[in-house]
Amino acid sequence: MAGLGALAACAVCCAGPLLALLGGVGLASAVAAVWVPALAAVAVAAVLALVLLRRRRRSASCRSGDPGPVDLGMPAVADRPGR
């Protein structure tokens, strides 16, 4: 009997969020089915933006020469006073 009561309580508690999730998925699917041309336009705009950003990045990039090794000026073990 306690198992059936727990099952009923779980069903009542979880029904709202599950229905909201399924309703959201269904609504998103319906909107996507109606707005297929808009989806194509957004995809084309995204590709154009990526191409333009890549061109801008290449032209604005700065290449510096190889600086070579950098001396950090750290003392060696033999340089400690008292040795």
Protein backbone atom coordinates (compact mmCIF):
# COMPACT_ATOMS: atom_id res chain seq x y z
CA MET A 1 0.00 0.00 0.00
CA ALA A 2 2.80 2.40 0.86
CA GLY A 3 4.40 1.74 -2.54
CA LEU A 4 1.21 2.72 -4.36
CA GLY A 5 0.93 5.88 -2.29
CA ALA A 6 4.53 6.81 -3.14
CA LEU A 7 3.88 6.09 -6.79
CA ALA A 8 0.82 8.35 -6.80
CA ALA A 9 2.66 11.13 -4.98
CA CYS A 10 5.55 10.95 -7.43
CA ALA A 11 3.19 11.06 -10.40
CA VAL A 12 1.39 14.13 -9.04
CA CYS A 13 4.64 15.89 -8.16
CA CYS A 14 6.44 15.25 -11.45
CA ALA A 15 3.52 15.66 -13.84
CA GLY A 16 3.77 19.46 -14.09
CA PRO A 17 7.46 19.74 -14.96
CA LEU A 18 7.27 16.83 -17.39
CA LEU A 19 4.28 18.31 -19.18
CA ALA A 20 6.01 21.70 -19.31
CA LEU A 21 9.12 20.12 -20.83
CA LEU A 22 7.13 18.19 -23.41
CA GLY A 23 5.06 21.27 -24.22
CA GLY A 24 8.20 23.35 -24.70
CA VAL A 25 9.69 20.78 -27.06
CA GLY A 26 6.44 20.60 -29.00
CA LEU A 27 6.17 24.39 -29.23
CA ALA A 28 9.77 24.67 -30.43
CA SER A 29 9.09 22.02 -33.06
CA ALA A 30 5.98 23.81 -34.28
CA VAL A 31 7.79 27.14 -34.52
CA ALA A 32 10.70 25.52 -36.36
CA ALA A 33 8.32 23.87 -38.84
CA VAL A 34 6.62 27.17 -39.62
CA TRP A 35 9.81 29.27 -39.80
CA VAL A 36 11.94 27.11 -42.10
CA PRO A 37 12.67 30.02 -44.48
CA ALA A 38 13.71 32.17 -41.56
CA LEU A 39 15.97 29.37 -40.35
CA ALA A 40 17.66 29.30 -43.75
CA ALA A 41 18.15 33.07 -43.63
CA VAL A 42 19.68 32.84 -40.16
CA ALA A 43 22.03 30.08 -41.34
CA VAL A 44 23.17 32.17 -44.32
CA ALA A 45 23.71 35.20 -42.07
CA ALA A 46 25.77 33.09 -39.65
CA VAL A 47 27.98 31.78 -42.45
CA LEU A 48 28.52 35.29 -43.81
CA ALA A 49 29.39 36.59 -40.36
CA LEU A 50 31.95 33.82 -39.88
CA VAL A 51 33.55 34.55 -43.24
CA LEU A 52 33.73 38.28 -42.57
CA LEU A 53 35.14 37.81 -39.07
CA ARG A 54 37.78 35.41 -40.34
CA ARG A 55 38.88 37.90 -43.01
CA ARG A 56 39.01 40.73 -40.47
CA ARG A 57 41.06 38.63 -38.07
CA ARG A 58 43.60 37.72 -40.75
CA SER A 59 44.09 41.31 -41.90
CA ALA A 60 44.37 42.67 -38.37
CA SER A 61 46.74 40.03 -37.09
CA CYS A 62 50.25 41.06 -36.21
CA ARG A 63 53.16 38.69 -36.48
CA SER A 64 56.24 39.40 -34.48
CA GLY A 65 59.65 37.91 -35.07
CA ASP A 66 61.04 35.15 -32.92
CA PRO A 67 62.42 36.92 -29.83
CA GLY A 68 64.70 34.00 -28.99
CA PRO A 69 65.56 32.96 -25.45
CA VAL A 70 64.70 35.39 -22.70
CA ASP A 71 67.03 35.83 -19.72
CA LEU A 72 64.99 35.98 -16.53
CA GLY A 73 67.94 36.93 -14.34
CA MET A 74 67.35 34.18 -11.82
CA PRO A 75 70.35 33.30 -9.64
CA ALA A 76 71.95 29.92 -9.95
CA VAL A 77 72.45 27.67 -6.93
CA ALA A 78 76.20 28.46 -6.81
CA ASP A 79 75.51 32.23 -6.68
CA ARG A 80 74.00 32.12 -3.18
CA PRO A 81 75.97 34.00 -0.54
CA GLY A 82 77.59 31.94 2.19
CA ARG A 83 78.82 29.09 0.02
